[in-house]
Amino acid sequence: MMPYDLSPLWLSLKVAVISTLFVFLASLALARLMSRREFFGKSLVEALILLPLVLPPTVIGFGLIVLFGVNGPLGILLEQWFGFRVVFTWIGAAIASFVVSLPLMYQSVMAAFDKVDPRWENVARTMGVSEWRIFRTITFPLAWSGILAGLILAFARGIGEFGATLMIAGYIPGVTETVPLAIYFAYEAGDMEKALFWVLIISSLGVAAITWVNYWRKKNAVRIGRE
């Protein structure tokens, strides 16, 4: 195969890393709240967090345009306060990746937190330990394996995002061209060799991510079994 410009790969990695970082922080906060607190409307809040799992990518992209477009409420605020636009930029691609990846990470973190025996936390509370220290020294370490698995899955989902990214970021070679967009437009142009090249790249990344997650889970299960 002839060599190709690798900028779509670097952009996809950049978008996935940044979106995964924010997904990680948001998921920890949301899952901690939802797993340890009861409040009115909790089911509705959780449904909204998980909604991107069942919505078509075009619906997600449309919603992002409504919010972050030049006439959208968040789009207007960002342009007035910070002087930049989200639409047709790599930032828009990162936001799209964040939205579609958040439910996956949230579910993994919730499952991990639910496996943590609350008695350990309660013992620490009786000793006057702060909630932040309880989370940092007890909850987070015990839930780490599930959190890490969620991180890998969120990263893989972010790097493969297409539909919502196309709607909010568009297709601008060298600016918003991620690997999924490069595949689609190479195919549209009839360049099957280029499309196949990028399909192999992104498939390899996906296989590597899933293989690593499965290995980590099996390794962790064996360790727990021995304990």
C-alpha atoms as a PDB file:
ATOM      1  CA  MET A   1       0.000   0.000   0.000  1.00  0.00           C
ATOM      2  CA  MET A   2       1.175   3.505  -0.714  1.00  0.00           C
ATOM      3  CA  PRO A   3       1.909   5.745   2.312  1.00  0.00           C
ATOM      4  CA  TYR A   4      -0.855   8.124   3.337  1.00  0.00           C
ATOM      5  CA  ASP A   5      -1.035  11.304   5.347  1.00  0.00           C
ATOM      6  CA  LEU A   6      -1.404  10.140   8.937  1.00  0.00           C
ATOM      7  CA  SER A   7      -2.998  13.348  10.221  1.00  0.00           C
ATOM      8  CA  PRO A   8      -6.435  11.650  10.563  1.00  0.00           C
ATOM      9  CA  LEU A   9      -4.879   9.119  12.939  1.00  0.00           C
ATOM     10  CA  TRP A  10      -3.161  11.777  15.068  1.00  0.00           C
ATOM     11  CA  LEU A  11      -6.345  13.844  15.168  1.00  0.00           C
ATOM     12  CA  SER A  12      -8.430  10.795  16.152  1.00  0.00           C
ATOM     13  CA  LEU A  13      -5.987   9.966  18.949  1.00  0.00           C
ATOM     14  CA  LYS A  14      -5.987  13.595  20.126  1.00  0.00           C
ATOM     15  CA  VAL A  15      -9.784  13.758  20.139  1.00  0.00           C
ATOM     16  CA  ALA A  16     -10.113  10.380  21.873  1.00  0.00           C
ATOM     17  CA  VAL A  17      -7.546  11.166  24.574  1.00  0.00           C
ATOM     18  CA  ILE A  18      -9.074  14.550  25.433  1.00  0.00           C
ATOM     19  CA  SER A  19     -12.657  13.299  25.378  1.00  0.00           C
ATOM     20  CA  THR A  20     -11.716  10.246  27.474  1.00  0.00           C
ATOM     21  CA  LEU A  21     -10.082  12.470  30.085  1.00  0.00           C
ATOM     22  CA  PHE A  22     -13.281  14.481  30.519  1.00  0.00           C
ATOM     23  CA  VAL A  23     -15.406  11.318  30.359  1.00  0.00           C
ATOM     24  CA  PHE A  24     -13.264   9.861  33.158  1.00  0.00           C
ATOM     25  CA  LEU A  25     -13.813  12.870  35.426  1.00  0.00           C
ATOM     26  CA  ALA A  26     -17.518  13.209  34.642  1.00  0.00           C
ATOM     27  CA  SER A  27     -18.177   9.483  35.067  1.00  0.00           C
ATOM     28  CA  LEU A  28     -16.467   9.353  38.456  1.00  0.00           C
ATOM     29  CA  ALA A  29     -18.522  12.289  39.738  1.00  0.00           C
ATOM     30  CA  LEU A  30     -21.820  11.050  38.302  1.00  0.00           C
ATOM     31  CA  ALA A  31     -21.361   7.416  39.295  1.00  0.00           C
ATOM     32  CA  ARG A  32     -20.307   8.375  42.815  1.00  0.00           C
ATOM     33  CA  LEU A  33     -23.434  10.508  43.185  1.00  0.00           C
ATOM     34  CA  MET A  34     -25.788   7.960  41.650  1.00  0.00           C
ATOM     35  CA  SER A  35     -24.392   4.966  43.537  1.00  0.00           C
ATOM     36  CA  ARG A  36     -24.367   6.541  46.998  1.00  0.00           C
ATOM     37  CA  ARG A  37     -27.284   8.996  46.960  1.00  0.00           C
ATOM     38  CA  GLU A  38     -31.062   8.754  46.646  1.00  0.00           C
ATOM     39  CA  PHE A  39     -32.950  11.790  45.381  1.00  0.00           C
ATOM     40  CA  PHE A  40     -36.096  12.738  43.513  1.00  0.00           C
ATOM     41  CA  GLY A  41     -35.728  12.259  39.771  1.00  0.00           C
ATOM     42  CA  LYS A  42     -32.734   9.933  40.032  1.00  0.00           C
ATOM     43  CA  SER A  43     -34.126   7.523  37.428  1.00  0.00           C
ATOM     44  CA  LEU A  44     -34.677  10.378  35.002  1.00  0.00           C
ATOM     45  CA  VAL A  45     -31.129  11.670  35.472  1.00  0.00           C
ATOM     46  CA  GLU A  46     -29.698   8.218  34.829  1.00  0.00           C
ATOM     47  CA  ALA A  47     -31.892   7.829  31.752  1.00  0.00           C
ATOM     48  CA  LEU A  48     -30.516  11.093  30.370  1.00  0.00           C
ATOM     49  CA  ILE A  49     -26.927   9.953  31.003  1.00  0.00           C
ATOM     50  CA  LEU A  50     -27.550   6.695  29.140  1.00  0.00           C
ATOM     51  CA  LEU A  51     -29.685   8.215  26.378  1.00  0.00           C
ATOM     52  CA  PRO A  52     -26.846   8.456  23.799  1.00  0.00           C
ATOM     53  CA  LEU A  53     -26.661   4.645  23.836  1.00  0.00           C
ATOM     54  CA  VAL A  54     -30.043   4.364  22.128  1.00  0.00           C
ATOM     55  CA  LEU A  55     -30.148   7.549  20.051  1.00  0.00           C
ATOM     56  CA  PRO A  56     -29.046   7.577  16.399  1.00  0.00           C
ATOM     57  CA  PRO A  57     -25.775   9.489  15.894  1.00  0.00           C
ATOM     58  CA  THR A  58     -27.591  12.008  13.701  1.00  0.00           C
ATOM     59  CA  VAL A  59     -29.916  12.890  16.587  1.00  0.00           C
ATOM     60  CA  ILE A  60     -26.922  13.392  18.889  1.00  0.00           C
ATOM     61  CA  GLY A  61     -25.224  15.520  16.242  1.00  0.00           C
ATOM     62  CA  PHE A  62     -28.353  17.598  15.764  1.00  0.00           C
ATOM     63  CA  GLY A  63     -28.613  18.191  19.494  1.00  0.00           C
ATOM     64  CA  LEU A  64     -24.987  19.298  19.644  1.00  0.00           C
ATOM     65  CA  ILE A  65     -25.535  21.725  16.768  1.00  0.00           C
ATOM     66  CA  VAL A  66     -28.572  23.183  18.540  1.00  0.00           C
ATOM     67  CA  LEU A  67     -26.488  23.705  21.696  1.00  0.00           C
ATOM     68  CA  PHE A  68     -23.091  24.646  20.255  1.00  0.00           C
ATOM     69  CA  GLY A  69     -24.017  26.130  16.876  1.00  0.00           C
ATOM     70  CA  VAL A  70     -23.405  29.804  16.119  1.00  0.00           C
ATOM     71  CA  ASN A  71     -26.967  30.536  17.225  1.00  0.00           C
ATOM     72  CA  GLY A  72     -27.038  27.976  20.043  1.00  0.00           C
ATOM     73  CA  PRO A  73     -26.966  29.089  23.691  1.00  0.00           C
ATOM     74  CA  LEU A  74     -23.623  27.456  24.492  1.00  0.00           C
ATOM     75  CA  GLY A  75     -22.170  28.408  21.127  1.00  0.00           C
ATOM     76  CA  ILE A  76     -22.970  32.069  21.692  1.00  0.00           C
ATOM     77  CA  LEU A  77     -21.501  32.006  25.216  1.00  0.00           C
ATOM     78  CA  LEU A  78     -18.278  30.315  24.110  1.00  0.00           C
ATOM     79  CA  GLU A  79     -17.757  32.779  21.283  1.00  0.00           C
ATOM     80  CA  GLN A  80     -18.489  35.810  23.462  1.00  0.00           C
ATOM     81  CA  TRP A  81     -16.449  34.683  26.495  1.00  0.00           C
ATOM     82  CA  PHE A  82     -13.595  32.742  24.927  1.00  0.00           C
ATOM     83  CA  GLY A  83     -13.633  33.830  21.301  1.00  0.00           C
ATOM     84  CA  PHE A  84     -13.874  30.438  19.596  1.00  0.00           C
ATOM     85  CA  ARG A  85     -16.445  28.287  17.877  1.00  0.00           C
ATOM     86  CA  VAL A  86     -17.153  24.600  18.333  1.00  0.00           C
ATOM     87  CA  VAL A  87     -18.790  23.885  14.979  1.00  0.00           C
ATOM     88  CA  PHE A  88     -16.353  22.793  12.232  1.00  0.00           C
ATOM     89  CA  THR A  89     -13.447  22.434  14.669  1.00  0.00           C
ATOM     90  CA  TRP A  90     -11.687  19.477  16.289  1.00  0.00           C
ATOM     91  CA  ILE A  91     -13.210  20.640  19.582  1.00  0.00           C
ATOM     92  CA  GLY A  92     -16.612  19.748  18.157  1.00  0.00           C
ATOM     93  CA  ALA A  93     -15.290  16.276  17.355  1.00  0.00           C
ATOM     94  CA  ALA A  94     -14.035  15.945  20.946  1.00  0.00           C
ATOM     95  CA  ILE A  95     -17.430  16.985  22.338  1.00  0.00           C
ATOM     96  CA  ALA A  96     -19.174  14.447  20.109  1.00  0.00           C
ATOM     97  CA  SER A  97     -16.803  11.733  21.309  1.00  0.00           C
ATOM     98  CA  PHE A  98     -17.427  12.769  24.911  1.00  0.00           C
ATOM     99  CA  VAL A  99     -21.198  12.485  24.554  1.00  0.00           C
ATOM    100  CA  VAL A 100     -21.185   9.044  22.934  1.00  0.00           C
ATOM    101  CA  SER A 101     -18.478   7.653  25.247  1.00  0.00           C
ATOM    102  CA  LEU A 102     -19.897   8.877  28.557  1.00  0.00           C
ATOM    103  CA  PRO A 103     -22.627   6.211  28.910  1.00  0.00           C
ATOM    104  CA  LEU A 104     -20.126   3.368  28.426  1.00  0.00           C
ATOM    105  CA  MET A 105     -17.722   4.748  30.995  1.00  0.00           C
ATOM    106  CA  TYR A 106     -20.547   5.583  33.385  1.00  0.00           C
ATOM    107  CA  GLN A 107     -21.913   2.030  33.281  1.00  0.00           C
ATOM    108  CA  SER A 108     -18.479   0.540  33.938  1.00  0.00           C
ATOM    109  CA  VAL A 109     -17.809   2.880  36.845  1.00  0.00           C
ATOM    110  CA  MET A 110     -21.255   2.288  38.339  1.00  0.00           C
ATOM    111  CA  ALA A 111     -20.736  -1.471  38.179  1.00  0.00           C
ATOM    112  CA  ALA A 112     -17.316  -1.078  39.784  1.00  0.00           C
ATOM    113  CA  PHE A 113     -18.649   1.126  42.597  1.00  0.00           C
ATOM    114  CA  ASP A 114     -21.543  -1.269  43.254  1.00  0.00           C
ATOM    115  CA  LYS A 115     -19.034  -4.070  43.876  1.00  0.00           C
ATOM    116  CA  VAL A 116     -17.292  -2.074  46.597  1.00  0.00           C
ATOM    117  CA  ASP A 117     -18.547  -3.225  49.983  1.00  0.00           C
ATOM    118  CA  PRO A 118     -20.034  -0.094  51.660  1.00  0.00           C
ATOM    119  CA  ARG A 119     -19.040  -1.476  55.047  1.00  0.00           C
ATOM    120  CA  TRP A 120     -15.443  -0.483  54.382  1.00  0.00           C
ATOM    121  CA  GLU A 121     -16.569   3.087  53.753  1.00  0.00           C
ATOM    122  CA  ASN A 122     -18.809   3.110  56.826  1.00  0.00           C
ATOM    123  CA  VAL A 123     -15.969   1.935  59.052  1.00  0.00           C
ATOM    124  CA  ALA A 124     -13.843   4.820  57.794  1.00  0.00           C
ATOM    125  CA  ARG A 125     -16.677   7.269  58.468  1.00  0.00           C
ATOM    126  CA  THR A 126     -16.968   6.118  62.074  1.00  0.00           C
ATOM    127  CA  MET A 127     -13.281   6.993  62.439  1.00  0.00           C
ATOM    128  CA  GLY A 128     -13.938  10.529  61.214  1.00  0.00           C
ATOM    129  CA  VAL A 129     -12.345  10.140  57.791  1.00  0.00           C
ATOM    130  CA  SER A 130     -13.506  12.713  55.224  1.00  0.00           C
ATOM    131  CA  GLU A 131     -15.595  11.649  52.234  1.00  0.00           C
ATOM    132  CA  TRP A 132     -12.859  12.716  49.811  1.00  0.00           C
ATOM    133  CA  ARG A 133     -10.259  10.609  51.601  1.00  0.00           C
ATOM    134  CA  ILE A 134     -12.647   7.645  51.747  1.00  0.00           C
ATOM    135  CA  PHE A 135     -13.133   7.892  47.997  1.00  0.00           C
ATOM    136  CA  ARG A 136      -9.415   8.363  47.305  1.00  0.00           C
ATOM    137  CA  THR A 137      -8.085   5.612  49.570  1.00  0.00           C
ATOM    138  CA  ILE A 138     -10.905   3.036  49.638  1.00  0.00           C
ATOM    139  CA  THR A 139     -13.546   3.333  46.927  1.00  0.00           C
ATOM    140  CA  PHE A 140     -11.339   4.294  43.992  1.00  0.00           C
ATOM    141  CA  PRO A 141      -8.610   1.657  44.553  1.00  0.00           C
ATOM    142  CA  LEU A 142     -11.160  -1.131  45.055  1.00  0.00           C
ATOM    143  CA  ALA A 143     -13.071  -0.106  41.923  1.00  0.00           C
ATOM    144  CA  TRP A 144      -9.979   0.560  39.807  1.00  0.00           C
ATOM    145  CA  SER A 145     -10.176  -2.556  37.614  1.00  0.00           C
ATOM    146  CA  GLY A 146     -13.696  -1.696  36.441  1.00  0.00           C
ATOM    147  CA  ILE A 147     -12.795   1.949  36.007  1.00  0.00           C
ATOM    148  CA  LEU A 148      -9.792   1.073  33.865  1.00  0.00           C
ATOM    149  CA  ALA A 149     -11.868  -1.242  31.681  1.00  0.00           C
ATOM    150  CA  GLY A 150     -14.362   1.572  31.195  1.00  0.00           C
ATOM    151  CA  LEU A 151     -11.557   3.942  30.228  1.00  0.00           C
ATOM    152  CA  ILE A 152     -10.345   1.631  27.487  1.00  0.00           C
ATOM    153  CA  LEU A 153     -13.852   1.117  26.118  1.00  0.00           C
ATOM    154  CA  ALA A 154     -14.575   4.852  26.218  1.00  0.00           C
ATOM    155  CA  PHE A 155     -11.336   5.563  24.377  1.00  0.00           C
ATOM    156  CA  ALA A 156     -12.151   2.985  21.704  1.00  0.00           C
ATOM    157  CA  ARG A 157     -15.671   4.377  21.303  1.00  0.00           C
ATOM    158  CA  GLY A 158     -14.343   7.912  21.076  1.00  0.00           C
ATOM    159  CA  ILE A 159     -11.809   7.089  18.400  1.00  0.00           C
ATOM    160  CA  GLY A 160     -14.486   5.392  16.303  1.00  0.00           C
ATOM    161  CA  GLU A 161     -17.166   8.091  16.513  1.00  0.00           C
ATOM    162  CA  PHE A 162     -18.542   9.090  13.093  1.00  0.00           C
ATOM    163  CA  GLY A 163     -22.131  10.309  12.777  1.00  0.00           C
ATOM    164  CA  ALA A 164     -22.272  13.014  15.433  1.00  0.00           C
ATOM    165  CA  THR A 165     -18.733  14.121  14.543  1.00  0.00           C
ATOM    166  CA  LEU A 166     -19.649  14.592  10.898  1.00  0.00           C
ATOM    167  CA  MET A 167     -22.635  16.764  11.799  1.00  0.00           C
ATOM    168  CA  ILE A 168     -20.945  19.107  14.286  1.00  0.00           C
ATOM    169  CA  ALA A 169     -17.335  19.098  13.054  1.00  0.00           C
ATOM    170  CA  GLY A 170     -17.899  18.486   9.359  1.00  0.00           C
ATOM    171  CA  TYR A 171     -15.276  17.137   7.007  1.00  0.00           C
ATOM    172  CA  ILE A 172     -12.315  19.480   6.648  1.00  0.00           C
ATOM    173  CA  PRO A 173      -9.107  17.619   5.647  1.00  0.00           C
ATOM    174  CA  GLY A 174      -6.314  18.408   8.058  1.00  0.00           C
ATOM    175  CA  VAL A 175      -8.684  20.107  10.492  1.00  0.00           C
ATOM    176  CA  THR A 176     -11.576  17.791  11.408  1.00  0.00           C
ATOM    177  CA  GLU A 177     -10.760  14.678   9.386  1.00  0.00           C
ATOM    178  CA  THR A 178     -10.734  11.784  11.841  1.00  0.00           C
ATOM    179  CA  VAL A 179     -10.132   8.188  10.783  1.00  0.00           C
ATOM    180  CA  PRO A 180     -13.862   7.273  10.473  1.00  0.00           C
ATOM    181  CA  LEU A 181     -14.422  10.350   8.297  1.00  0.00           C
ATOM    182  CA  ALA A 182     -11.352   9.501   6.212  1.00  0.00           C
ATOM    183  CA  ILE A 183     -12.783   6.019   5.590  1.00  0.00           C
ATOM    184  CA  TYR A 184     -16.183   7.304   4.549  1.00  0.00           C
ATOM    185  CA  PHE A 185     -14.973   9.986   2.171  1.00  0.00           C
ATOM    186  CA  ALA A 186     -12.269   7.765   0.676  1.00  0.00           C
ATOM    187  CA  TYR A 187     -14.988   5.236  -0.107  1.00  0.00           C
ATOM    188  CA  GLU A 188     -17.225   7.977  -1.527  1.00  0.00           C
ATOM    189  CA  ALA A 189     -14.367   9.047  -3.783  1.00  0.00           C
ATOM    190  CA  GLY A 190     -13.820   5.473  -4.945  1.00  0.00           C
ATOM    191  CA  ASP A 191     -10.393   5.204  -3.309  1.00  0.00           C
ATOM    192  CA  MET A 192     -10.880   1.700  -1.904  1.00  0.00           C
ATOM    193  CA  GLU A 193      -7.181   1.237  -1.172  1.00  0.00           C
ATOM    194  CA  LYS A 194      -7.112   4.283   1.095  1.00  0.00           C
ATOM    195  CA  ALA A 195     -10.372   3.293   2.766  1.00  0.00           C
ATOM    196  CA  LEU A 196      -9.007  -0.216   3.400  1.00  0.00           C
ATOM    197  CA  PHE A 197      -5.837   1.251   4.877  1.00  0.00           C
ATOM    198  CA  TRP A 198      -7.781   3.249   7.455  1.00  0.00           C
ATOM    199  CA  VAL A 199     -10.191   0.351   8.130  1.00  0.00           C
ATOM    200  CA  LEU A 200      -7.220  -1.847   9.027  1.00  0.00           C
ATOM    201  CA  ILE A 201      -5.762   0.872  11.269  1.00  0.00           C
ATOM    202  CA  ILE A 202      -8.927   1.523  13.256  1.00  0.00           C
ATOM    203  CA  SER A 203      -9.825  -2.181  13.407  1.00  0.00           C
ATOM    204  CA  SER A 204      -6.386  -2.939  14.841  1.00  0.00           C
ATOM    205  CA  LEU A 205      -6.895  -0.300  17.513  1.00  0.00           C
ATOM    206  CA  GLY A 206     -10.301  -1.737  18.375  1.00  0.00           C
ATOM    207  CA  VAL A 207      -9.035  -5.311  18.585  1.00  0.00           C
ATOM    208  CA  ALA A 208      -6.109  -4.200  20.745  1.00  0.00           C
ATOM    209  CA  ALA A 209      -8.438  -2.343  23.121  1.00  0.00           C
ATOM    210  CA  ILE A 210     -10.907  -5.234  23.492  1.00  0.00           C
ATOM    211  CA  THR A 211      -8.114  -7.799  23.875  1.00  0.00           C
ATOM    212  CA  TRP A 212      -6.498  -5.727  26.598  1.00  0.00           C
ATOM    213  CA  VAL A 213      -9.780  -5.294  28.475  1.00  0.00           C
ATOM    214  CA  ASN A 214     -10.496  -9.036  28.337  1.00  0.00           C
ATOM    215  CA  TYR A 215      -6.956  -9.831  29.508  1.00  0.00           C
ATOM    216  CA  TRP A 216      -7.223  -7.371  32.381  1.00  0.00           C
ATOM    217  CA  ARG A 217     -10.587  -8.727  33.501  1.00  0.00           C
ATOM    218  CA  LYS A 218      -9.385 -12.340  33.443  1.00  0.00           C
ATOM    219  CA  LYS A 219      -6.206 -11.412  35.272  1.00  0.00           C
ATOM    220  CA  ASN A 220      -8.173  -9.516  37.901  1.00  0.00           C
ATOM    221  CA  ALA A 221     -10.670 -12.379  38.293  1.00  0.00           C
ATOM    222  CA  VAL A 222      -7.822 -14.827  38.893  1.00  0.00           C
ATOM    223  CA  ARG A 223      -6.243 -12.494  41.466  1.00  0.00           C
ATOM    224  CA  ILE A 224      -9.540 -12.098  43.333  1.00  0.00           C
ATOM    225  CA  GLY A 225     -10.102 -15.849  43.240  1.00  0.00           C
ATOM    226  CA  ARG A 226      -6.735 -16.478  44.860  1.00  0.00           C
ATOM    227  CA  GLU A 227      -7.470 -13.956  47.567  1.00  0.00           C
END
